[in-house]
């Protein structure tokens, strides 16, 4: 797999047109399984092929059970990784067992201690609210611990039931309760209040950070900047087209062994570019700007301004100069508001 990734980096070296890299993100689930020599080879290739900014944000996603004391010290001493994104999910064993996580609550807290001891002060953690086992008291305790640990960035997600997953099957079979939307909304509101009181900025629906600690990688995605994704299932975007690699590992390996790039590409129509901008922009503090929409096409700007009026009236969208973004109340209905504003053949 590492050989294939190195080969893909070579074949995709011109995708970003020689632009300087300001973010490198090892994501996709379990990159923390990579051994130090494997990570070093990948970094060597990236630095050989691209100009990397001296202050680039370099992040590694990790599961708590993968981050041993030795691994953390190796990452800090021998790689340019500066930031860790740790999938904590909860500091309660009952929640973790229900989520089928391998780590325990004690392991999660110890992992944060070890990361700090290794010299990592740029951390983000994932937390999940709205799970059947996550009581309001559990959720309050999760946030208390995160704040006590001084985590500068939190990604907090409401539990969702995705079709085709084991959870969806269990819900349909009555083996797991359906999502309690009222509880999820209550816990989301508590999340907003608690973090705002501690100086965190709610800069995207699911993301909160202390001033100056926004995730550069994710912010670039939400603001429509180009990026290159490498590896099975990875997506790339250059401003006008999207491409995505095959998800099957064996097919990915076979293609790269043959010197081929295993992806599909889609050229985005103006309508798709408009819809994507609305979907991502509204979720952030940067919001949507009619001038940027007009650059896609004047008709889209007129359509947006007409469609946004009902949400301004009911208070779910707020206007600040030429910027339109979701209000606190509107953040509960982000997907519905965005889909209502989408350009469709029937609704244009």
C-alpha atoms as a PDB file:
ATOM      1  CA  UNK A   1       0.000   0.000   0.000  1.00  0.00           C
ATOM      2  CA  UNK A   2       2.797   2.418   0.848  1.00  0.00           C
ATOM      3  CA  UNK A   3       4.499   1.675  -2.485  1.00  0.00           C
ATOM      4  CA  UNK A   4       1.209   2.379  -4.289  1.00  0.00           C
ATOM      5  CA  UNK A   5       0.744   5.674  -2.426  1.00  0.00           C
ATOM      6  CA  UNK A   6       4.277   6.732  -3.354  1.00  0.00           C
ATOM      7  CA  UNK A   7       3.576   5.863  -6.987  1.00  0.00           C
ATOM      8  CA  UNK A   8       0.315   7.823  -6.971  1.00  0.00           C
ATOM      9  CA  UNK A   9       2.087  10.855  -5.517  1.00  0.00           C
ATOM     10  CA  UNK A  10       4.482  10.693  -8.474  1.00  0.00           C
ATOM     11  CA  UNK A  11       1.686  10.372 -11.035  1.00  0.00           C
ATOM     12  CA  UNK A  12      -0.353  13.188  -9.452  1.00  0.00           C
ATOM     13  CA  UNK A  13       2.564  15.563  -8.873  1.00  0.00           C
ATOM     14  CA  UNK A  14       1.173  18.221 -11.240  1.00  0.00           C
ATOM     15  CA  UNK A  15      -2.439  18.129 -10.051  1.00  0.00           C
ATOM     16  CA  UNK A  16      -2.113  21.287  -7.935  1.00  0.00           C
ATOM     17  CA  UNK A  17      -0.082  23.155 -10.542  1.00  0.00           C
ATOM     18  CA  UNK A  18       2.973  23.622  -8.364  1.00  0.00           C
ATOM     19  CA  UNK A  19       1.097  25.482  -5.618  1.00  0.00           C
ATOM     20  CA  UNK A  20       2.755  25.645  -2.212  1.00  0.00           C
ATOM     21  CA  UNK A  21       1.231  23.220   0.289  1.00  0.00           C
ATOM     22  CA  UNK A  22      -0.168  24.738   3.475  1.00  0.00           C
ATOM     23  CA  UNK A  23      -1.776  21.579   4.806  1.00  0.00           C
ATOM     24  CA  UNK A  24      -0.921  17.881   4.755  1.00  0.00           C
ATOM     25  CA  UNK A  25      -3.514  15.615   6.330  1.00  0.00           C
ATOM     26  CA  UNK A  26      -3.165  11.888   6.989  1.00  0.00           C
ATOM     27  CA  UNK A  27      -6.788  10.823   7.335  1.00  0.00           C
ATOM     28  CA  UNK A  28      -9.145   8.120   6.196  1.00  0.00           C
ATOM     29  CA  UNK A  29      -9.530   6.248   9.460  1.00  0.00           C
ATOM     30  CA  UNK A  30      -6.354   4.577  10.684  1.00  0.00           C
ATOM     31  CA  UNK A  31      -3.162   6.210   9.336  1.00  0.00           C
ATOM     32  CA  UNK A  32      -1.753   5.801  12.843  1.00  0.00           C
ATOM     33  CA  UNK A  33      -1.260   2.122  11.934  1.00  0.00           C
ATOM     34  CA  UNK A  34       1.665   3.167   9.727  1.00  0.00           C
ATOM     35  CA  UNK A  35       5.088   2.504  11.185  1.00  0.00           C
ATOM     36  CA  UNK A  36       7.631   5.283  11.461  1.00  0.00           C
ATOM     37  CA  UNK A  37       9.741   4.203   8.422  1.00  0.00           C
ATOM     38  CA  UNK A  38       6.574   4.103   6.286  1.00  0.00           C
ATOM     39  CA  UNK A  39       5.556   7.595   7.350  1.00  0.00           C
ATOM     40  CA  UNK A  40       9.090   8.846   6.716  1.00  0.00           C
ATOM     41  CA  UNK A  41       9.036   7.477   3.154  1.00  0.00           C
ATOM     42  CA  UNK A  42       5.734   9.190   2.409  1.00  0.00           C
ATOM     43  CA  UNK A  43       6.941  12.517   3.817  1.00  0.00           C
ATOM     44  CA  UNK A  44      10.181  12.271   1.859  1.00  0.00           C
ATOM     45  CA  UNK A  45       8.195  11.817  -1.343  1.00  0.00           C
ATOM     46  CA  UNK A  46       5.835  14.716  -0.595  1.00  0.00           C
ATOM     47  CA  UNK A  47       8.712  17.078   0.167  1.00  0.00           C
ATOM     48  CA  UNK A  48      10.586  15.938  -2.936  1.00  0.00           C
ATOM     49  CA  UNK A  49       7.602  16.580  -5.217  1.00  0.00           C
ATOM     50  CA  UNK A  50       6.035  19.705  -3.681  1.00  0.00           C
ATOM     51  CA  UNK A  51       6.897  23.021  -2.075  1.00  0.00           C
ATOM     52  CA  UNK A  52       5.734  22.783   1.528  1.00  0.00           C
ATOM     53  CA  UNK A  53       5.225  25.989   3.507  1.00  0.00           C
ATOM     54  CA  UNK A  54       7.414  26.297   6.580  1.00  0.00           C
ATOM     55  CA  UNK A  55       4.345  26.781   8.763  1.00  0.00           C
ATOM     56  CA  UNK A  56       2.255  24.081   7.043  1.00  0.00           C
ATOM     57  CA  UNK A  57      -0.348  22.384   9.210  1.00  0.00           C
ATOM     58  CA  UNK A  58       0.585  18.683   9.204  1.00  0.00           C
ATOM     59  CA  UNK A  59      -2.019  16.458  10.842  1.00  0.00           C
ATOM     60  CA  UNK A  60      -2.253  12.752  11.577  1.00  0.00           C
ATOM     61  CA  UNK A  61      -5.571  11.106  12.414  1.00  0.00           C
ATOM     62  CA  UNK A  62      -5.197   8.499  15.134  1.00  0.00           C
ATOM     63  CA  UNK A  63      -7.130   6.083  17.286  1.00  0.00           C
ATOM     64  CA  UNK A  64      -6.247   6.279  20.992  1.00  0.00           C
ATOM     65  CA  UNK A  65      -5.287   2.581  21.035  1.00  0.00           C
ATOM     66  CA  UNK A  66      -2.626   3.183  18.338  1.00  0.00           C
ATOM     67  CA  UNK A  67      -0.855   6.025  20.140  1.00  0.00           C
ATOM     68  CA  UNK A  68       1.665   4.426  22.434  1.00  0.00           C
ATOM     69  CA  UNK A  69       4.211   6.502  24.334  1.00  0.00           C
ATOM     70  CA  UNK A  70       6.947   5.313  21.951  1.00  0.00           C
ATOM     71  CA  UNK A  71       4.919   6.095  18.835  1.00  0.00           C
ATOM     72  CA  UNK A  72       4.080   9.589  20.024  1.00  0.00           C
ATOM     73  CA  UNK A  73       7.737  10.376  20.745  1.00  0.00           C
ATOM     74  CA  UNK A  74       8.778   8.966  17.359  1.00  0.00           C
ATOM     75  CA  UNK A  75       6.176  11.093  15.580  1.00  0.00           C
ATOM     76  CA  UNK A  76       7.323  14.202  17.379  1.00  0.00           C
ATOM     77  CA  UNK A  77      11.056  13.621  16.917  1.00  0.00           C
ATOM     78  CA  UNK A  78      11.287  12.036  13.493  1.00  0.00           C
ATOM     79  CA  UNK A  79       8.396  13.350  11.381  1.00  0.00           C
ATOM     80  CA  UNK A  80       7.026  16.807  10.542  1.00  0.00           C
ATOM     81  CA  UNK A  81       3.640  15.915  12.117  1.00  0.00           C
ATOM     82  CA  UNK A  82       2.628  18.892  14.239  1.00  0.00           C
ATOM     83  CA  UNK A  83      -1.014  18.171  14.917  1.00  0.00           C
ATOM     84  CA  UNK A  84      -2.980  15.112  16.039  1.00  0.00           C
ATOM     85  CA  UNK A  85      -6.643  14.424  15.359  1.00  0.00           C
ATOM     86  CA  UNK A  86      -7.668  11.800  17.904  1.00  0.00           C
ATOM     87  CA  UNK A  87     -10.915   9.840  17.658  1.00  0.00           C
ATOM     88  CA  UNK A  88     -11.868   9.946  21.326  1.00  0.00           C
ATOM     89  CA  UNK A  89     -15.686   9.844  20.694  1.00  0.00           C
ATOM     90  CA  UNK A  90     -16.484   9.717  24.441  1.00  0.00           C
ATOM     91  CA  UNK A  91     -14.849   9.600  27.862  1.00  0.00           C
ATOM     92  CA  UNK A  92     -17.432   7.023  29.050  1.00  0.00           C
ATOM     93  CA  UNK A  93     -16.996   3.279  28.643  1.00  0.00           C
ATOM     94  CA  UNK A  94     -20.718   2.691  28.156  1.00  0.00           C
ATOM     95  CA  UNK A  95     -20.711   4.959  25.107  1.00  0.00           C
ATOM     96  CA  UNK A  96     -17.512   3.436  23.730  1.00  0.00           C
ATOM     97  CA  UNK A  97     -18.836  -0.116  24.048  1.00  0.00           C
ATOM     98  CA  UNK A  98     -22.018   0.873  22.224  1.00  0.00           C
ATOM     99  CA  UNK A  99     -19.936   2.507  19.472  1.00  0.00           C
ATOM    100  CA  UNK A 100     -17.807  -0.652  19.247  1.00  0.00           C
ATOM    101  CA  UNK A 101     -14.616   1.258  19.931  1.00  0.00           C
ATOM    102  CA  UNK A 102     -11.460  -0.624  20.904  1.00  0.00           C
ATOM    103  CA  UNK A 103     -10.226   1.889  23.474  1.00  0.00           C
ATOM    104  CA  UNK A 104     -11.526   2.584  26.966  1.00  0.00           C
ATOM    105  CA  UNK A 105     -12.292   5.904  28.624  1.00  0.00           C
ATOM    106  CA  UNK A 106      -9.184   5.584  30.786  1.00  0.00           C
ATOM    107  CA  UNK A 107      -7.076   4.893  27.691  1.00  0.00           C
ATOM    108  CA  UNK A 108      -8.519   7.979  25.988  1.00  0.00           C
ATOM    109  CA  UNK A 109      -7.502  10.267  28.847  1.00  0.00           C
ATOM    110  CA  UNK A 110      -4.092   8.643  29.163  1.00  0.00           C
ATOM    111  CA  UNK A 111      -3.529   9.094  25.436  1.00  0.00           C
ATOM    112  CA  UNK A 112      -4.080  12.849  25.774  1.00  0.00           C
ATOM    113  CA  UNK A 113      -1.649  12.968  28.694  1.00  0.00           C
ATOM    114  CA  UNK A 114       0.991  11.087  26.695  1.00  0.00           C
ATOM    115  CA  UNK A 115       0.501  13.310  23.649  1.00  0.00           C
ATOM    116  CA  UNK A 116       1.116  16.389  25.771  1.00  0.00           C
ATOM    117  CA  UNK A 117       4.151  14.758  27.371  1.00  0.00           C
ATOM    118  CA  UNK A 118       5.562  14.035  23.896  1.00  0.00           C
ATOM    119  CA  UNK A 119       5.275  17.734  23.029  1.00  0.00           C
ATOM    120  CA  UNK A 120       2.036  17.839  21.033  1.00  0.00           C
ATOM    121  CA  UNK A 121       0.076  20.933  22.000  1.00  0.00           C
ATOM    122  CA  UNK A 122      -1.880  21.190  18.740  1.00  0.00           C
ATOM    123  CA  UNK A 123      -4.649  18.652  19.215  1.00  0.00           C
ATOM    124  CA  UNK A 124      -8.172  18.142  18.016  1.00  0.00           C
ATOM    125  CA  UNK A 125     -10.486  15.416  19.257  1.00  0.00           C
ATOM    126  CA  UNK A 126     -13.745  13.975  17.969  1.00  0.00           C
ATOM    127  CA  UNK A 127     -16.731  13.689  20.298  1.00  0.00           C
ATOM    128  CA  UNK A 128     -20.172  12.273  19.504  1.00  0.00           C
ATOM    129  CA  UNK A 129     -23.454  13.421  21.036  1.00  0.00           C
ATOM    130  CA  UNK A 130     -26.954  12.025  20.672  1.00  0.00           C
ATOM    131  CA  UNK A 131     -26.043   8.328  21.044  1.00  0.00           C
ATOM    132  CA  UNK A 132     -28.571   6.204  22.980  1.00  0.00           C
ATOM    133  CA  UNK A 133     -26.070   5.694  25.815  1.00  0.00           C
ATOM    134  CA  UNK A 134     -24.982   9.353  25.945  1.00  0.00           C
ATOM    135  CA  UNK A 135     -27.048  10.945  28.676  1.00  0.00           C
ATOM    136  CA  UNK A 136     -27.042  14.687  29.208  1.00  0.00           C
ATOM    137  CA  UNK A 137     -24.796  14.101  32.220  1.00  0.00           C
ATOM    138  CA  UNK A 138     -22.370  12.040  30.119  1.00  0.00           C
ATOM    139  CA  UNK A 139     -22.256  14.756  27.485  1.00  0.00           C
ATOM    140  CA  UNK A 140     -21.606  17.473  30.045  1.00  0.00           C
ATOM    141  CA  UNK A 141     -18.798  15.369  31.515  1.00  0.00           C
ATOM    142  CA  UNK A 142     -17.259  14.764  28.070  1.00  0.00           C
ATOM    143  CA  UNK A 143     -17.053  18.512  27.484  1.00  0.00           C
ATOM    144  CA  UNK A 144     -15.766  19.172  30.999  1.00  0.00           C
ATOM    145  CA  UNK A 145     -12.902  16.728  30.481  1.00  0.00           C
ATOM    146  CA  UNK A 146     -12.025  18.116  27.038  1.00  0.00           C
ATOM    147  CA  UNK A 147     -11.868  21.631  28.478  1.00  0.00           C
ATOM    148  CA  UNK A 148      -9.929  20.465  31.514  1.00  0.00           C
ATOM    149  CA  UNK A 149      -7.369  18.893  29.178  1.00  0.00           C
ATOM    150  CA  UNK A 150      -6.999  22.204  27.331  1.00  0.00           C
ATOM    151  CA  UNK A 151      -7.864  20.804  23.897  1.00  0.00           C
ATOM    152  CA  UNK A 152      -7.780  23.850  21.534  1.00  0.00           C
ATOM    153  CA  UNK A 153     -10.021  22.350  18.836  1.00  0.00           C
ATOM    154  CA  UNK A 154     -13.044  20.050  19.047  1.00  0.00           C
ATOM    155  CA  UNK A 155     -15.017  18.336  16.300  1.00  0.00           C
ATOM    156  CA  UNK A 156     -18.406  17.346  17.736  1.00  0.00           C
ATOM    157  CA  UNK A 157     -20.810  15.286  15.669  1.00  0.00           C
ATOM    158  CA  UNK A 158     -24.415  14.321  16.216  1.00  0.00           C
ATOM    159  CA  UNK A 159     -24.935  10.580  15.796  1.00  0.00           C
ATOM    160  CA  UNK A 160     -26.493   9.768  12.425  1.00  0.00           C
ATOM    161  CA  UNK A 161     -27.855   6.533  11.019  1.00  0.00           C
ATOM    162  CA  UNK A 162     -26.390   5.918   7.567  1.00  0.00           C
ATOM    163  CA  UNK A 163     -28.089   3.480   5.220  1.00  0.00           C
ATOM    164  CA  UNK A 164     -26.179   0.262   4.686  1.00  0.00           C
ATOM    165  CA  UNK A 165     -24.486   0.364   8.090  1.00  0.00           C
ATOM    166  CA  UNK A 166     -24.825  -2.131  10.916  1.00  0.00           C
ATOM    167  CA  UNK A 167     -26.490   0.568  13.025  1.00  0.00           C
ATOM    168  CA  UNK A 168     -29.183   1.137  10.389  1.00  0.00           C
ATOM    169  CA  UNK A 169     -29.889  -2.613  10.381  1.00  0.00           C
ATOM    170  CA  UNK A 170     -30.088  -2.719  14.179  1.00  0.00           C
ATOM    171  CA  UNK A 171     -32.479   0.233  14.280  1.00  0.00           C
ATOM    172  CA  UNK A 172     -34.774  -1.351  11.681  1.00  0.00           C
ATOM    173  CA  UNK A 173     -34.677  -4.667  13.547  1.00  0.00           C
ATOM    174  CA  UNK A 174     -35.523  -2.971  16.841  1.00  0.00           C
ATOM    175  CA  UNK A 175     -32.192  -3.992  18.388  1.00  0.00           C
ATOM    176  CA  UNK A 176     -31.133  -0.375  18.816  1.00  0.00           C
ATOM    177  CA  UNK A 177     -33.298   2.678  19.506  1.00  0.00           C
ATOM    178  CA  UNK A 178     -33.813   5.293  16.805  1.00  0.00           C
ATOM    179  CA  UNK A 179     -32.045   8.620  17.170  1.00  0.00           C
ATOM    180  CA  UNK A 180     -33.695  10.834  19.768  1.00  0.00           C
ATOM    181  CA  UNK A 181     -33.731  14.092  17.803  1.00  0.00           C
ATOM    182  CA  UNK A 182     -34.922  16.144  20.779  1.00  0.00           C
ATOM    183  CA  UNK A 183     -32.043  14.903  22.938  1.00  0.00           C
ATOM    184  CA  UNK A 184     -29.530  15.497  20.144  1.00  0.00           C
ATOM    185  CA  UNK A 185     -30.773  19.077  19.690  1.00  0.00           C
ATOM    186  CA  UNK A 186     -30.597  19.679  23.443  1.00  0.00           C
ATOM    187  CA  UNK A 187     -27.038  18.369  23.643  1.00  0.00           C
ATOM    188  CA  UNK A 188     -26.034  20.438  20.609  1.00  0.00           C
ATOM    189  CA  UNK A 189     -27.390  23.563  22.305  1.00  0.00           C
ATOM    190  CA  UNK A 190     -25.509  22.717  25.502  1.00  0.00           C
ATOM    191  CA  UNK A 191     -22.362  22.236  23.408  1.00  0.00           C
ATOM    192  CA  UNK A 192     -22.715  25.699  21.857  1.00  0.00           C
ATOM    193  CA  UNK A 193     -23.336  27.398  25.197  1.00  0.00           C
ATOM    194  CA  UNK A 194     -20.545  25.603  27.046  1.00  0.00           C
ATOM    195  CA  UNK A 195     -17.828  26.234  24.481  1.00  0.00           C
ATOM    196  CA  UNK A 196     -18.875  29.832  23.803  1.00  0.00           C
ATOM    197  CA  UNK A 197     -18.561  30.546  27.531  1.00  0.00           C
ATOM    198  CA  UNK A 198     -14.979  29.266  27.384  1.00  0.00           C
ATOM    199  CA  UNK A 199     -14.008  31.420  24.404  1.00  0.00           C
ATOM    200  CA  UNK A 200     -14.300  28.838  21.625  1.00  0.00           C
ATOM    201  CA  UNK A 201     -15.483  30.037  18.226  1.00  0.00           C
ATOM    202  CA  UNK A 202     -18.132  27.981  16.444  1.00  0.00           C
ATOM    203  CA  UNK A 203     -16.622  28.357  12.996  1.00  0.00           C
ATOM    204  CA  UNK A 204     -18.368  25.426  11.302  1.00  0.00           C
ATOM    205  CA  UNK A 205     -21.426  23.366  12.232  1.00  0.00           C
ATOM    206  CA  UNK A 206     -19.409  20.607  13.899  1.00  0.00           C
ATOM    207  CA  UNK A 207     -16.185  22.454  14.703  1.00  0.00           C
ATOM    208  CA  UNK A 208     -15.141  24.695  17.563  1.00  0.00           C
ATOM    209  CA  UNK A 209     -11.748  26.261  18.174  1.00  0.00           C
ATOM    210  CA  UNK A 210      -9.996  28.771  20.336  1.00  0.00           C
ATOM    211  CA  UNK A 211      -9.084  31.969  18.432  1.00  0.00           C
ATOM    212  CA  UNK A 212      -6.356  31.288  15.891  1.00  0.00           C
ATOM    213  CA  UNK A 213      -6.686  27.500  16.216  1.00  0.00           C
ATOM    214  CA  UNK A 214      -9.040  26.739  13.322  1.00  0.00           C
ATOM    215  CA  UNK A 215      -8.206  23.607  11.325  1.00  0.00           C
ATOM    216  CA  UNK A 216      -6.486  24.927   8.220  1.00  0.00           C
ATOM    217  CA  UNK A 217      -7.119  21.719   6.289  1.00  0.00           C
ATOM    218  CA  UNK A 218     -10.864  21.603   6.879  1.00  0.00           C
ATOM    219  CA  UNK A 219     -11.250  25.344   6.435  1.00  0.00           C
ATOM    220  CA  UNK A 220      -9.677  25.070   2.983  1.00  0.00           C
ATOM    221  CA  UNK A 221     -12.216  22.419   2.026  1.00  0.00           C
ATOM    222  CA  UNK A 222     -15.188  24.449   3.238  1.00  0.00           C
ATOM    223  CA  UNK A 223     -13.939  27.512   1.383  1.00  0.00           C
ATOM    224  CA  UNK A 224     -13.620  25.677  -1.922  1.00  0.00           C
ATOM    225  CA  UNK A 225      -9.837  25.663  -2.244  1.00  0.00           C
ATOM    226  CA  UNK A 226      -8.172  22.955  -4.407  1.00  0.00           C
ATOM    227  CA  UNK A 227      -6.776  19.843  -2.763  1.00  0.00           C
ATOM    228  CA  UNK A 228      -5.222  16.527  -3.766  1.00  0.00           C
ATOM    229  CA  UNK A 229      -6.281  13.265  -2.143  1.00  0.00           C
ATOM    230  CA  UNK A 230      -4.071  10.176  -2.372  1.00  0.00           C
ATOM    231  CA  UNK A 231      -4.966   6.584  -1.517  1.00  0.00           C
ATOM    232  CA  UNK A 232      -8.040   4.329  -1.830  1.00  0.00           C
ATOM    233  CA  UNK A 233     -11.338   6.313  -1.773  1.00  0.00           C
ATOM    234  CA  UNK A 234      -9.449   9.633  -1.688  1.00  0.00           C
ATOM    235  CA  UNK A 235     -11.145  12.625  -3.324  1.00  0.00           C
ATOM    236  CA  UNK A 236      -9.476  15.539  -5.120  1.00  0.00           C
ATOM    237  CA  UNK A 237     -10.785  18.922  -6.239  1.00  0.00           C
ATOM    238  CA  UNK A 238      -9.214  21.535  -8.507  1.00  0.00           C
ATOM    239  CA  UNK A 239     -11.961  24.172  -8.545  1.00  0.00           C
ATOM    240  CA  UNK A 240     -13.767  22.899 -11.621  1.00  0.00           C
ATOM    241  CA  UNK A 241     -13.689  19.112 -11.415  1.00  0.00           C
ATOM    242  CA  UNK A 242     -13.788  16.398  -8.806  1.00  0.00           C
ATOM    243  CA  UNK A 243     -12.166  13.016  -8.910  1.00  0.00           C
ATOM    244  CA  UNK A 244     -12.293  10.065  -6.564  1.00  0.00           C
ATOM    245  CA  UNK A 245     -10.130   6.981  -6.334  1.00  0.00           C
ATOM    246  CA  UNK A 246     -11.521   3.473  -6.376  1.00  0.00           C
ATOM    247  CA  UNK A 247     -12.487   2.346  -2.875  1.00  0.00           C
ATOM    248  CA  UNK A 248     -11.398  -1.279  -3.294  1.00  0.00           C
ATOM    249  CA  UNK A 249      -7.863  -1.758  -1.944  1.00  0.00           C
ATOM    250  CA  UNK A 250      -6.971  -4.648  -4.268  1.00  0.00           C
ATOM    251  CA  UNK A 251      -8.120  -2.748  -7.371  1.00  0.00           C
ATOM    252  CA  UNK A 252      -6.239   0.341  -6.200  1.00  0.00           C
ATOM    253  CA  UNK A 253      -3.021  -1.668  -5.775  1.00  0.00           C
ATOM    254  CA  UNK A 254      -3.348  -3.407  -9.136  1.00  0.00           C
ATOM    255  CA  UNK A 255      -3.875  -0.112 -10.949  1.00  0.00           C
ATOM    256  CA  UNK A 256      -0.851   1.581  -9.396  1.00  0.00           C
ATOM    257  CA  UNK A 257       1.321  -1.477 -10.017  1.00  0.00           C
ATOM    258  CA  UNK A 258       0.415  -1.029 -13.691  1.00  0.00           C
ATOM    259  CA  UNK A 259       1.266   2.682 -13.534  1.00  0.00           C
ATOM    260  CA  UNK A 260      -2.382   3.756 -13.841  1.00  0.00           C
ATOM    261  CA  UNK A 261      -4.410   6.218 -11.807  1.00  0.00           C
ATOM    262  CA  UNK A 262      -7.555   4.422 -10.548  1.00  0.00           C
ATOM    263  CA  UNK A 263     -10.017   7.309 -10.389  1.00  0.00           C
ATOM    264  CA  UNK A 264     -13.227   8.612 -11.891  1.00  0.00           C
ATOM    265  CA  UNK A 265     -13.624  12.293 -12.732  1.00  0.00           C
ATOM    266  CA  UNK A 266     -16.594  14.596 -12.912  1.00  0.00           C
ATOM    267  CA  UNK A 267     -16.519  18.061 -14.461  1.00  0.00           C
ATOM    268  CA  UNK A 268     -18.702  20.281 -12.314  1.00  0.00           C
ATOM    269  CA  UNK A 269     -21.477  22.199 -14.007  1.00  0.00           C
ATOM    270  CA  UNK A 270     -22.175  25.771 -12.894  1.00  0.00           C
ATOM    271  CA  UNK A 271     -25.250  24.470 -11.032  1.00  0.00           C
ATOM    272  CA  UNK A 272     -23.132  21.921  -9.151  1.00  0.00           C
ATOM    273  CA  UNK A 273     -20.566  24.564  -8.259  1.00  0.00           C
ATOM    274  CA  UNK A 274     -23.352  26.800  -6.941  1.00  0.00           C
ATOM    275  CA  UNK A 275     -24.940  23.989  -4.914  1.00  0.00           C
ATOM    276  CA  UNK A 276     -21.622  22.982  -3.419  1.00  0.00           C
ATOM    277  CA  UNK A 277     -20.789  26.553  -2.442  1.00  0.00           C
ATOM    278  CA  UNK A 278     -24.155  26.958  -0.731  1.00  0.00           C
ATOM    279  CA  UNK A 279     -23.849  23.611   1.045  1.00  0.00           C
ATOM    280  CA  UNK A 280     -20.370  24.277   2.432  1.00  0.00           C
ATOM    281  CA  UNK A 281     -20.496  28.059   2.814  1.00  0.00           C
ATOM    282  CA  UNK A 282     -23.627  28.275   4.920  1.00  0.00           C
ATOM    283  CA  UNK A 283     -22.107  25.846   7.439  1.00  0.00           C
ATOM    284  CA  UNK A 284     -19.287  28.247   8.290  1.00  0.00           C
ATOM    285  CA  UNK A 285     -18.738  31.652   9.871  1.00  0.00           C
ATOM    286  CA  UNK A 286     -17.579  32.841   6.431  1.00  0.00           C
ATOM    287  CA  UNK A 287     -21.061  32.210   5.044  1.00  0.00           C
ATOM    288  CA  UNK A 288     -22.140  32.782   1.448  1.00  0.00           C
ATOM    289  CA  UNK A 289     -21.501  35.942  -0.546  1.00  0.00           C
ATOM    290  CA  UNK A 290     -23.734  36.905  -3.503  1.00  0.00           C
ATOM    291  CA  UNK A 291     -20.725  38.330  -5.376  1.00  0.00           C
ATOM    292  CA  UNK A 292     -19.016  34.938  -5.309  1.00  0.00           C
ATOM    293  CA  UNK A 293     -22.220  33.312  -6.466  1.00  0.00           C
ATOM    294  CA  UNK A 294     -22.574  35.877  -9.269  1.00  0.00           C
ATOM    295  CA  UNK A 295     -19.111  34.874 -10.477  1.00  0.00           C
ATOM    296  CA  UNK A 296     -20.596  31.438 -11.204  1.00  0.00           C
ATOM    297  CA  UNK A 297     -23.522  33.069 -12.999  1.00  0.00           C
ATOM    298  CA  UNK A 298     -25.797  36.095 -12.364  1.00  0.00           C
ATOM    299  CA  UNK A 299     -28.904  33.897 -12.401  1.00  0.00           C
ATOM    300  CA  UNK A 300     -27.565  31.910  -9.446  1.00  0.00           C
ATOM    301  CA  UNK A 301     -27.098  35.053  -7.351  1.00  0.00           C
ATOM    302  CA  UNK A 302     -30.656  36.190  -8.024  1.00  0.00           C
ATOM    303  CA  UNK A 303     -31.941  32.701  -7.233  1.00  0.00           C
ATOM    304  CA  UNK A 304     -30.014  32.609  -3.944  1.00  0.00           C
ATOM    305  CA  UNK A 305     -31.168  36.061  -2.801  1.00  0.00           C
ATOM    306  CA  UNK A 306     -34.776  35.209  -3.538  1.00  0.00           C
ATOM    307  CA  UNK A 307     -34.571  31.822  -1.806  1.00  0.00           C
ATOM    308  CA  UNK A 308     -32.817  33.107   1.295  1.00  0.00           C
ATOM    309  CA  UNK A 309     -35.582  35.626   2.156  1.00  0.00           C
ATOM    310  CA  UNK A 310     -37.871  33.228   4.091  1.00  0.00           C
ATOM    311  CA  UNK A 311     -34.953  32.097   6.242  1.00  0.00           C
ATOM    312  CA  UNK A 312     -33.990  35.703   7.009  1.00  0.00           C
ATOM    313  CA  UNK A 313     -37.566  36.347   8.094  1.00  0.00           C
ATOM    314  CA  UNK A 314     -37.800  33.304  10.367  1.00  0.00           C
ATOM    315  CA  UNK A 315     -34.362  33.979  11.876  1.00  0.00           C
ATOM    316  CA  UNK A 316     -32.602  30.782  10.797  1.00  0.00           C
ATOM    317  CA  UNK A 317     -30.271  32.782   8.534  1.00  0.00           C
ATOM    318  CA  UNK A 318     -28.635  36.083   9.434  1.00  0.00           C
ATOM    319  CA  UNK A 319     -27.127  38.756   7.211  1.00  0.00           C
ATOM    320  CA  UNK A 320     -23.967  40.669   8.074  1.00  0.00           C
ATOM    321  CA  UNK A 321     -23.237  43.105   5.266  1.00  0.00           C
ATOM    322  CA  UNK A 322     -22.886  40.976   2.154  1.00  0.00           C
ATOM    323  CA  UNK A 323     -22.442  37.727   4.095  1.00  0.00           C
ATOM    324  CA  UNK A 324     -25.290  35.293   4.723  1.00  0.00           C
ATOM    325  CA  UNK A 325     -24.822  32.537   7.279  1.00  0.00           C
ATOM    326  CA  UNK A 326     -26.823  30.292   9.557  1.00  0.00           C
ATOM    327  CA  UNK A 327     -27.965  31.711  12.874  1.00  0.00           C
ATOM    328  CA  UNK A 328     -27.655  29.700  16.063  1.00  0.00           C
ATOM    329  CA  UNK A 329     -31.182  28.389  15.532  1.00  0.00           C
ATOM    330  CA  UNK A 330     -30.520  27.707  11.864  1.00  0.00           C
ATOM    331  CA  UNK A 331     -27.589  25.411  12.634  1.00  0.00           C
ATOM    332  CA  UNK A 332     -30.104  22.764  13.657  1.00  0.00           C
ATOM    333  CA  UNK A 333     -31.550  22.812  10.142  1.00  0.00           C
ATOM    334  CA  UNK A 334     -28.428  23.276   8.004  1.00  0.00           C
ATOM    335  CA  UNK A 335     -29.120  20.464   5.532  1.00  0.00           C
ATOM    336  CA  UNK A 336     -32.762  21.409   5.022  1.00  0.00           C
ATOM    337  CA  UNK A 337     -31.962  25.092   4.462  1.00  0.00           C
ATOM    338  CA  UNK A 338     -29.156  24.316   2.005  1.00  0.00           C
ATOM    339  CA  UNK A 339     -31.240  21.816   0.031  1.00  0.00           C
ATOM    340  CA  UNK A 340     -34.054  24.359  -0.252  1.00  0.00           C
ATOM    341  CA  UNK A 341     -31.584  26.794  -1.814  1.00  0.00           C
ATOM    342  CA  UNK A 342     -30.149  24.256  -4.267  1.00  0.00           C
ATOM    343  CA  UNK A 343     -30.527  24.972  -7.956  1.00  0.00           C
ATOM    344  CA  UNK A 344     -32.599  22.272  -9.616  1.00  0.00           C
ATOM    345  CA  UNK A 345     -34.098  21.985 -13.064  1.00  0.00           C
ATOM    346  CA  UNK A 346     -37.551  21.914 -11.488  1.00  0.00           C
ATOM    347  CA  UNK A 347     -36.962  24.779  -9.096  1.00  0.00           C
ATOM    348  CA  UNK A 348     -34.784  27.218 -11.024  1.00  0.00           C
END
